[in-house]
Amino acid sequence: MSTLTILLCALIVIGTFLFWELVAWFTHKYIMHGFLWVWHRSHHTVHDHALERNDWFAVVFSLPSIGLFYYATLVTYNPYLLAVGLGILCYGIFYFIFHDIIVHQRLRWRPSKRSRYLQRMIHAHYIHHARHTKEGCEAFGFLYAPRKYEPGKFEFKKDRQETQ
């Protein structure tokens, strides 16, 4: 494999990773909080289960990566398609670490030193979960949140149902 191919594959992995944040944002806002709220509602509900219906999204999101790895290795070798599959896989790993471990503590671990970026992301996600309905939520990204979500800068109101 040439140096140019390796460099191009690295750029494809990074580009795919960044693109999947847009895919995740769109899917979260318009599908999870839309017609598949039936699955996602479990994630906005307090429960004591190890798994939730919302976890099916991880299975669905892994299928393009699995399919690309299969096709680009067993059907016809294609390093560029492998790079796309790797970019999706990397996004899934980062999502799992950030969302499931650091934010929701599904495995009890959180970095002792938290950067402003990490604090902002955690805060934005908590703002998102302040609402337990599919409407009226904010902050649909998983690995990016605007600066307005820095702790202390954003005030949010809970659902009226919760405060009554």
N, C-alpha and C. Protein backbone atom coordinates (compact mmCIF):
# COMPACT_ATOMS: atom_id res chain seq x y z
N MET A 1 0.85 -1.18 0.00
CA MET A 1 0.00 0.00 0.00
C MET A 1 0.90 1.24 0.00
N SER A 2 0.60 2.16 -0.87
CA SER A 2 1.44 3.36 -1.00
C SER A 2 1.20 4.34 0.15
N THR A 3 2.14 5.23 0.34
CA THR A 3 2.02 6.27 1.36
C THR A 3 0.81 7.15 1.08
N LEU A 4 0.56 7.44 -0.19
CA LEU A 4 -0.59 8.26 -0.55
C LEU A 4 -1.91 7.58 -0.18
N THR A 5 -1.98 6.28 -0.41
CA THR A 5 -3.19 5.52 -0.05
C THR A 5 -3.40 5.53 1.45
N ILE A 6 -2.33 5.36 2.21
CA ILE A 6 -2.41 5.38 3.68
C ILE A 6 -2.87 6.74 4.16
N LEU A 7 -2.30 7.80 3.61
CA LEU A 7 -2.69 9.16 3.98
C LEU A 7 -4.16 9.42 3.63
N LEU A 8 -4.56 9.01 2.45
CA LEU A 8 -5.95 9.19 2.03
C LEU A 8 -6.90 8.40 2.95
N CYS A 9 -6.51 7.19 3.29
CA CYS A 9 -7.34 6.38 4.20
C CYS A 9 -7.45 7.04 5.57
N ALA A 10 -6.36 7.60 6.07
CA ALA A 10 -6.39 8.30 7.36
C ALA A 10 -7.35 9.49 7.30
N LEU A 11 -7.31 10.24 6.20
CA LEU A 11 -8.22 11.37 6.03
C LEU A 11 -9.67 10.90 5.93
N ILE A 12 -9.89 9.77 5.29
CA ILE A 12 -11.25 9.22 5.18
C ILE A 12 -11.76 8.80 6.55
N VAL A 13 -10.90 8.18 7.36
CA VAL A 13 -11.30 7.78 8.73
C VAL A 13 -11.72 9.03 9.52
N ILE A 14 -10.89 10.07 9.48
CA ILE A 14 -11.18 11.30 10.23
C ILE A 14 -12.44 11.97 9.69
N GLY A 15 -12.56 12.07 8.38
CA GLY A 15 -13.74 12.68 7.77
C GLY A 15 -15.02 11.92 8.10
N THR A 16 -14.94 10.59 8.05
CA THR A 16 -16.11 9.76 8.38
C THR A 16 -16.49 9.95 9.83
N PHE A 17 -15.50 9.95 10.71
CA PHE A 17 -15.75 10.18 12.14
C PHE A 17 -16.51 11.49 12.35
N LEU A 18 -16.02 12.56 11.74
CA LEU A 18 -16.67 13.88 11.89
C LEU A 18 -18.06 13.89 11.26
N PHE A 19 -18.21 13.24 10.12
CA PHE A 19 -19.51 13.16 9.45
C PHE A 19 -20.53 12.43 10.32
N TRP A 20 -20.09 11.41 11.04
CA TRP A 20 -21.02 10.64 11.87
C TRP A 20 -21.53 11.44 13.06
N GLU A 21 -20.83 12.47 13.48
CA GLU A 21 -21.42 13.35 14.50
C GLU A 21 -22.64 14.05 13.91
N LEU A 22 -22.57 14.44 12.64
CA LEU A 22 -23.74 15.04 11.97
C LEU A 22 -24.86 14.02 11.80
N VAL A 23 -24.50 12.80 11.42
CA VAL A 23 -25.48 11.72 11.29
C VAL A 23 -26.16 11.47 12.63
N ALA A 24 -25.37 11.40 13.70
CA ALA A 24 -25.91 11.15 15.03
C ALA A 24 -26.82 12.29 15.48
N TRP A 25 -26.39 13.55 15.24
CA TRP A 25 -27.21 14.70 15.61
C TRP A 25 -28.55 14.65 14.88
N PHE A 26 -28.52 14.45 13.57
CA PHE A 26 -29.74 14.40 12.77
C PHE A 26 -30.64 13.26 13.23
N THR A 27 -30.05 12.09 13.40
CA THR A 27 -30.82 10.92 13.82
C THR A 27 -31.43 11.13 15.20
N HIS A 28 -30.64 11.71 16.11
CA HIS A 28 -31.13 11.95 17.46
C HIS A 28 -32.30 12.93 17.45
N LYS A 29 -32.16 14.02 16.72
CA LYS A 29 -33.19 15.05 16.72
C LYS A 29 -34.45 14.64 15.97
N TYR A 30 -34.30 14.05 14.80
CA TYR A 30 -35.45 13.82 13.93
C TYR A 30 -35.98 12.39 13.91
N ILE A 31 -35.18 11.43 14.32
CA ILE A 31 -35.64 10.04 14.33
C ILE A 31 -35.88 9.56 15.75
N MET A 32 -34.86 9.71 16.63
CA MET A 32 -35.04 9.27 18.02
C MET A 32 -36.11 10.10 18.73
N HIS A 33 -36.13 11.40 18.46
CA HIS A 33 -37.16 12.25 19.05
C HIS A 33 -38.31 12.43 18.07
N GLY A 34 -38.40 11.54 17.10
CA GLY A 34 -39.47 11.52 16.12
C GLY A 34 -40.17 10.18 16.16
N PHE A 35 -40.22 9.51 15.00
CA PHE A 35 -41.01 8.28 14.90
C PHE A 35 -40.44 7.10 15.68
N LEU A 36 -39.16 7.13 16.08
CA LEU A 36 -38.61 6.05 16.90
C LEU A 36 -38.46 6.44 18.37
N TRP A 37 -39.28 7.39 18.80
CA TRP A 37 -39.34 7.75 20.22
C TRP A 37 -39.72 6.52 21.04
N VAL A 38 -40.43 5.59 20.42
CA VAL A 38 -40.81 4.34 21.08
C VAL A 38 -39.58 3.63 21.64
N TRP A 39 -38.46 3.68 20.94
CA TRP A 39 -37.20 3.10 21.44
C TRP A 39 -36.50 4.07 22.37
N HIS A 40 -36.41 5.33 21.98
CA HIS A 40 -35.58 6.31 22.68
C HIS A 40 -36.17 6.74 24.03
N ARG A 41 -37.48 6.64 24.18
CA ARG A 41 -38.13 7.05 25.44
C ARG A 41 -37.48 6.38 26.64
N SER A 42 -37.07 5.14 26.50
CA SER A 42 -36.45 4.41 27.61
C SER A 42 -35.19 5.12 28.12
N HIS A 43 -34.55 5.87 27.25
CA HIS A 43 -33.33 6.58 27.63
C HIS A 43 -33.63 7.86 28.41
N HIS A 44 -34.83 8.38 28.29
CA HIS A 44 -35.23 9.58 29.01
C HIS A 44 -36.07 9.23 30.25
N THR A 45 -36.05 7.98 30.64
CA THR A 45 -36.81 7.50 31.78
C THR A 45 -35.85 6.93 32.82
N VAL A 46 -36.07 7.25 34.07
CA VAL A 46 -35.25 6.70 35.14
C VAL A 46 -35.66 5.24 35.35
N HIS A 47 -34.69 4.35 35.37
CA HIS A 47 -34.96 2.92 35.56
C HIS A 47 -33.73 2.26 36.18
N ASP A 48 -33.88 1.01 36.56
CA ASP A 48 -32.75 0.29 37.15
C ASP A 48 -32.31 -0.89 36.30
N HIS A 49 -32.67 -0.89 35.02
CA HIS A 49 -32.28 -1.97 34.11
C HIS A 49 -30.87 -1.74 33.59
N ALA A 50 -30.15 -2.81 33.34
CA ALA A 50 -28.80 -2.69 32.76
C ALA A 50 -28.89 -2.26 31.30
N LEU A 51 -29.89 -2.74 30.60
CA LEU A 51 -30.10 -2.39 29.20
C LEU A 51 -31.43 -1.67 29.06
N GLU A 52 -31.55 -0.92 27.97
CA GLU A 52 -32.80 -0.22 27.69
C GLU A 52 -33.11 -0.37 26.21
N ARG A 53 -34.35 -0.18 25.85
CA ARG A 53 -34.76 -0.32 24.46
C ARG A 53 -33.93 0.59 23.54
N ASN A 54 -33.53 1.73 24.03
CA ASN A 54 -32.71 2.68 23.29
C ASN A 54 -31.39 2.06 22.81
N ASP A 55 -30.92 1.01 23.47
CA ASP A 55 -29.66 0.36 23.09
C ASP A 55 -29.73 -0.29 21.71
N TRP A 56 -30.93 -0.49 21.19
CA TRP A 56 -31.06 -1.02 19.83
C TRP A 56 -30.43 -0.08 18.80
N PHE A 57 -30.38 1.23 19.12
CA PHE A 57 -29.75 2.17 18.20
C PHE A 57 -28.27 1.84 18.00
N ALA A 58 -27.59 1.38 19.03
CA ALA A 58 -26.18 1.01 18.90
C ALA A 58 -26.03 -0.16 17.93
N VAL A 59 -26.95 -1.09 17.99
CA VAL A 59 -26.93 -2.22 17.05
C VAL A 59 -27.15 -1.71 15.62
N VAL A 60 -28.16 -0.88 15.44
CA VAL A 60 -28.48 -0.35 14.11
C VAL A 60 -27.30 0.47 13.56
N PHE A 61 -26.71 1.33 14.40
CA PHE A 61 -25.59 2.17 13.95
C PHE A 61 -24.33 1.36 13.65
N SER A 62 -24.21 0.17 14.21
CA SER A 62 -23.02 -0.64 13.94
C SER A 62 -23.12 -1.38 12.60
N LEU A 63 -24.32 -1.54 12.07
CA LEU A 63 -24.51 -2.32 10.85
C LEU A 63 -23.75 -1.77 9.63
N PRO A 64 -23.74 -0.44 9.39
CA PRO A 64 -22.95 0.03 8.24
C PRO A 64 -21.46 -0.29 8.37
N SER A 65 -20.92 -0.18 9.55
CA SER A 65 -19.51 -0.49 9.76
C SER A 65 -19.25 -1.97 9.53
N ILE A 66 -20.07 -2.81 10.10
CA ILE A 66 -19.92 -4.25 9.92
C ILE A 66 -20.04 -4.61 8.45
N GLY A 67 -21.04 -4.05 7.78
CA GLY A 67 -21.24 -4.32 6.36
C GLY A 67 -20.05 -3.88 5.52
N LEU A 68 -19.50 -2.72 5.81
CA LEU A 68 -18.33 -2.23 5.07
C LEU A 68 -17.11 -3.10 5.32
N PHE A 69 -16.88 -3.50 6.57
CA PHE A 69 -15.75 -4.39 6.87
C PHE A 69 -15.90 -5.71 6.11
N TYR A 70 -17.11 -6.25 6.11
CA TYR A 70 -17.36 -7.51 5.40
C TYR A 70 -17.11 -7.35 3.91
N TYR A 71 -17.76 -6.36 3.31
CA TYR A 71 -17.67 -6.18 1.86
C TYR A 71 -16.24 -5.85 1.42
N ALA A 72 -15.57 -4.96 2.15
CA ALA A 72 -14.25 -4.48 1.73
C ALA A 72 -13.12 -5.46 2.04
N THR A 73 -13.43 -6.55 2.73
CA THR A 73 -12.38 -7.55 2.99
C THR A 73 -12.71 -8.89 2.34
N LEU A 74 -13.95 -9.34 2.42
CA LEU A 74 -14.30 -10.67 1.92
C LEU A 74 -14.87 -10.67 0.51
N VAL A 75 -15.56 -9.64 0.10
CA VAL A 75 -16.15 -9.60 -1.24
C VAL A 75 -15.12 -9.06 -2.23
N THR A 76 -14.64 -7.88 -1.97
CA THR A 76 -13.60 -7.28 -2.82
C THR A 76 -12.76 -6.34 -1.95
N TYR A 77 -11.46 -6.51 -1.99
CA TYR A 77 -10.61 -5.68 -1.13
C TYR A 77 -10.68 -4.22 -1.59
N ASN A 78 -11.00 -3.32 -0.61
CA ASN A 78 -11.06 -1.90 -0.91
C ASN A 78 -10.64 -1.13 0.35
N PRO A 79 -9.43 -0.60 0.36
CA PRO A 79 -8.95 0.08 1.57
C PRO A 79 -9.75 1.33 1.91
N TYR A 80 -10.35 1.96 0.91
CA TYR A 80 -11.12 3.19 1.16
C TYR A 80 -12.43 2.87 1.87
N LEU A 81 -13.08 1.79 1.48
CA LEU A 81 -14.30 1.38 2.18
C LEU A 81 -13.96 0.89 3.59
N LEU A 82 -12.81 0.24 3.73
CA LEU A 82 -12.36 -0.16 5.07
C LEU A 82 -12.16 1.07 5.95
N ALA A 83 -11.63 2.13 5.37
CA ALA A 83 -11.40 3.38 6.11
C ALA A 83 -12.73 3.98 6.56
N VAL A 84 -13.74 3.93 5.71
CA VAL A 84 -15.07 4.44 6.11
C VAL A 84 -15.61 3.59 7.26
N GLY A 85 -15.51 2.27 7.14
CA GLY A 85 -15.96 1.38 8.22
C GLY A 85 -15.22 1.64 9.51
N LEU A 86 -13.92 1.92 9.42
CA LEU A 86 -13.12 2.21 10.61
C LEU A 86 -13.52 3.55 11.23
N GLY A 87 -13.82 4.54 10.40
CA GLY A 87 -14.29 5.83 10.91
C GLY A 87 -15.59 5.70 11.69
N ILE A 88 -16.51 4.89 11.16
CA ILE A 88 -17.78 4.65 11.86
C ILE A 88 -17.53 3.92 13.17
N LEU A 89 -16.66 2.91 13.14
CA LEU A 89 -16.31 2.16 14.35
C LEU A 89 -15.69 3.09 15.40
N CYS A 90 -14.78 3.96 14.98
CA CYS A 90 -14.14 4.89 15.93
C CYS A 90 -15.18 5.81 16.56
N TYR A 91 -16.12 6.30 15.75
CA TYR A 91 -17.18 7.15 16.30
C TYR A 91 -17.98 6.36 17.33
N GLY A 92 -18.33 5.12 17.02
CA GLY A 92 -19.08 4.30 17.96
C GLY A 92 -18.35 4.07 19.27
N ILE A 93 -17.04 3.86 19.19
CA ILE A 93 -16.23 3.68 20.40
C ILE A 93 -16.22 4.96 21.23
N PHE A 94 -15.98 6.11 20.57
CA PHE A 94 -15.98 7.40 21.29
C PHE A 94 -17.35 7.68 21.88
N TYR A 95 -18.40 7.40 21.14
CA TYR A 95 -19.76 7.60 21.64
C TYR A 95 -19.99 6.75 22.89
N PHE A 96 -19.62 5.49 22.84
CA PHE A 96 -19.82 4.60 23.97
C PHE A 96 -19.06 5.10 25.20
N ILE A 97 -17.80 5.48 25.01
CA ILE A 97 -17.00 5.96 26.14
C ILE A 97 -17.61 7.25 26.70
N PHE A 98 -17.91 8.21 25.84
CA PHE A 98 -18.43 9.48 26.31
C PHE A 98 -19.84 9.33 26.87
N HIS A 99 -20.75 8.83 26.08
CA HIS A 99 -22.16 8.84 26.44
C HIS A 99 -22.50 7.81 27.51
N ASP A 100 -22.13 6.57 27.27
CA ASP A 100 -22.55 5.51 28.18
C ASP A 100 -21.70 5.42 29.45
N ILE A 101 -20.40 5.67 29.32
CA ILE A 101 -19.52 5.54 30.49
C ILE A 101 -19.37 6.86 31.24
N ILE A 102 -18.89 7.91 30.56
CA ILE A 102 -18.60 9.16 31.26
C ILE A 102 -19.87 9.89 31.70
N VAL A 103 -20.84 10.04 30.80
CA VAL A 103 -22.04 10.81 31.15
C VAL A 103 -23.02 9.99 31.98
N HIS A 104 -23.44 8.84 31.46
CA HIS A 104 -24.49 8.07 32.14
C HIS A 104 -23.97 7.06 33.14
N GLN A 105 -22.65 6.92 33.24
CA GLN A 105 -22.04 6.08 34.27
C GLN A 105 -22.53 4.63 34.24
N ARG A 106 -22.73 4.09 33.03
CA ARG A 106 -23.13 2.69 32.93
C ARG A 106 -22.02 1.78 33.40
N LEU A 107 -20.80 2.22 33.27
CA LEU A 107 -19.64 1.64 33.94
C LEU A 107 -19.11 2.77 34.81
N ARG A 108 -18.88 2.53 36.05
CA ARG A 108 -18.53 3.59 37.00
C ARG A 108 -17.11 4.10 36.78
N TRP A 109 -16.97 5.09 35.91
CA TRP A 109 -15.69 5.73 35.68
C TRP A 109 -15.92 7.11 35.10
N ARG A 110 -15.20 8.07 35.59
CA ARG A 110 -15.23 9.42 35.04
C ARG A 110 -13.84 10.01 35.26
N PRO A 111 -13.27 10.65 34.24
CA PRO A 111 -11.91 11.21 34.42
C PRO A 111 -11.86 12.16 35.60
N SER A 112 -10.80 12.06 36.40
CA SER A 112 -10.68 12.93 37.57
C SER A 112 -10.46 14.38 37.15
N LYS A 113 -9.73 14.60 36.07
CA LYS A 113 -9.55 15.95 35.53
C LYS A 113 -10.46 16.10 34.34
N ARG A 114 -11.32 17.11 34.38
CA ARG A 114 -12.26 17.32 33.28
C ARG A 114 -11.97 18.65 32.61
N SER A 115 -11.74 18.60 31.33
CA SER A 115 -11.51 19.81 30.55
C SER A 115 -12.81 20.61 30.45
N ARG A 116 -12.69 21.86 30.03
CA ARG A 116 -13.88 22.68 29.82
C ARG A 116 -14.78 22.05 28.76
N TYR A 117 -14.15 21.47 27.74
CA TYR A 117 -14.90 20.78 26.69
C TYR A 117 -15.74 19.66 27.28
N LEU A 118 -15.11 18.81 28.09
CA LEU A 118 -15.82 17.67 28.67
C LEU A 118 -16.92 18.15 29.61
N GLN A 119 -16.65 19.16 30.42
CA GLN A 119 -17.69 19.71 31.30
C GLN A 119 -18.86 20.25 30.49
N ARG A 120 -18.56 20.93 29.39
CA ARG A 120 -19.62 21.49 28.54
C ARG A 120 -20.46 20.37 27.92
N MET A 121 -19.81 19.32 27.46
CA MET A 121 -20.53 18.20 26.85
C MET A 121 -21.44 17.50 27.86
N ILE A 122 -20.93 17.27 29.05
CA ILE A 122 -21.73 16.61 30.09
C ILE A 122 -22.90 17.50 30.45
N HIS A 123 -22.65 18.79 30.63
CA HIS A 123 -23.72 19.74 30.98
C HIS A 123 -24.78 19.80 29.89
N ALA A 124 -24.36 19.84 28.62
CA ALA A 124 -25.32 19.89 27.51
C ALA A 124 -26.18 18.63 27.50
N HIS A 125 -25.57 17.49 27.81
CA HIS A 125 -26.34 16.25 27.81
C HIS A 125 -27.35 16.24 28.97
N TYR A 126 -26.95 16.77 30.11
CA TYR A 126 -27.89 16.87 31.22
C TYR A 126 -29.03 17.82 30.90
N ILE A 127 -28.74 18.90 30.18
CA ILE A 127 -29.80 19.81 29.74
C ILE A 127 -30.76 19.06 28.83
N HIS A 128 -30.21 18.25 27.95
CA HIS A 128 -31.06 17.46 27.05
C HIS A 128 -31.99 16.55 27.86
N HIS A 129 -31.46 15.95 28.90
CA HIS A 129 -32.25 15.01 29.70
C HIS A 129 -33.13 15.69 30.75
N ALA A 130 -33.07 17.00 30.84
CA ALA A 130 -33.96 17.70 31.78
C ALA A 130 -35.42 17.57 31.33
N ARG A 131 -35.63 17.27 30.07
CA ARG A 131 -36.98 17.06 29.53
C ARG A 131 -37.18 15.57 29.35
N HIS A 132 -38.35 15.09 29.72
CA HIS A 132 -38.65 13.67 29.60
C HIS A 132 -39.69 13.40 28.52
N THR A 133 -39.80 14.34 27.60
CA THR A 133 -40.72 14.20 26.48
C THR A 133 -39.91 14.29 25.19
N LYS A 134 -40.52 13.92 24.09
CA LYS A 134 -39.78 14.00 22.84
C LYS A 134 -39.72 15.40 22.28
N GLU A 135 -40.61 16.28 22.73
CA GLU A 135 -40.62 17.67 22.25
C GLU A 135 -39.86 18.58 23.22
N GLY A 136 -39.35 19.67 22.67
CA GLY A 136 -38.76 20.72 23.50
C GLY A 136 -37.36 20.46 24.01
N CYS A 137 -36.72 19.41 23.57
CA CYS A 137 -35.35 19.12 24.02
C CYS A 137 -34.34 19.95 23.24
N GLU A 138 -33.18 20.13 23.83
CA GLU A 138 -32.06 20.83 23.20
C GLU A 138 -30.84 19.93 23.22
N ALA A 139 -29.77 20.39 22.58
CA ALA A 139 -28.46 19.74 22.64
C ALA A 139 -28.53 18.29 22.16
N PHE A 140 -28.66 18.11 20.86
CA PHE A 140 -28.79 16.76 20.30
C PHE A 140 -27.46 16.14 19.90
N GLY A 141 -26.37 16.88 19.97
CA GLY A 141 -25.07 16.33 19.60
C GLY A 141 -24.53 15.40 20.68
N PHE A 142 -23.59 14.56 20.30
CA PHE A 142 -23.00 13.64 21.25
C PHE A 142 -21.55 14.01 21.57
N LEU A 143 -20.84 14.55 20.60
CA LEU A 143 -19.44 14.88 20.82
C LEU A 143 -19.14 16.36 20.60
N TYR A 144 -20.19 17.14 20.33
CA TYR A 144 -20.01 18.58 20.17
C TYR A 144 -21.21 19.30 20.78
N ALA A 145 -20.93 20.36 21.51
CA ALA A 145 -21.98 21.24 22.03
C ALA A 145 -21.46 22.67 21.95
N PRO A 146 -22.30 23.60 21.51
CA PRO A 146 -21.87 25.01 21.44
C PRO A 146 -21.48 25.53 22.83
N ARG A 147 -20.70 26.61 22.84
CA ARG A 147 -20.22 27.19 24.10
C ARG A 147 -21.34 27.64 25.02
N LYS A 148 -22.52 27.89 24.47
CA LYS A 148 -23.63 28.34 25.33
C LYS A 148 -23.98 27.30 26.39
N TYR A 149 -23.54 26.05 26.21
CA TYR A 149 -23.84 25.00 27.17
C TYR A 149 -22.78 24.84 28.26
N GLU A 150 -21.83 25.77 28.32
CA GLU A 150 -20.85 25.69 29.39
C GLU A 150 -21.57 25.85 30.72
N PRO A 151 -21.19 25.08 31.73
CA PRO A 151 -21.85 25.19 33.03
C PRO A 151 -21.88 26.63 33.52
N GLY A 152 -23.03 27.06 33.98
CA GLY A 152 -23.19 28.42 34.50
C GLY A 152 -23.67 29.41 33.46
N LYS A 153 -23.59 29.07 32.16
CA LYS A 153 -24.01 29.99 31.12
C LYS A 153 -25.43 29.72 30.63
N PHE A 154 -25.92 28.52 30.84
CA PHE A 154 -27.21 28.14 30.28
C PHE A 154 -28.18 27.81 31.40
N GLU A 155 -29.30 28.44 31.40
CA GLU A 155 -30.36 28.12 32.36
C GLU A 155 -31.41 27.30 31.64
N PHE A 156 -31.88 26.25 32.27
CA PHE A 156 -32.92 25.46 31.62
C PHE A 156 -34.06 25.24 32.60
N LYS A 157 -35.24 25.04 32.02
CA LYS A 157 -36.43 24.79 32.82
C LYS A 157 -36.82 23.34 32.66
N LYS A 158 -37.21 22.73 33.76
CA LYS A 158 -37.67 21.35 33.71
C LYS A 158 -39.06 21.30 33.15
N ASP A 159 -39.49 20.09 32.80
CA ASP A 159 -40.85 19.89 32.32
C ASP A 159 -41.83 20.37 33.38
N ARG A 160 -42.94 20.92 32.94
CA ARG A 160 -43.98 21.32 33.89
C ARG A 160 -44.49 20.13 34.66
N GLN A 161 -44.55 18.97 34.01
CA GLN A 161 -45.04 17.75 34.68
C GLN A 161 -44.20 17.43 35.91
N GLU A 162 -42.88 17.63 35.80
CA GLU A 162 -41.99 17.29 36.91
C GLU A 162 -42.14 18.25 38.08
N THR A 163 -42.43 19.52 37.78
CA THR A 163 -42.45 20.52 38.84
C THR A 163 -43.81 20.58 39.53
N GLN A 164 -44.80 19.94 38.99
CA GLN A 164 -46.15 19.98 39.61
C GLN A 164 -46.33 18.87 40.60
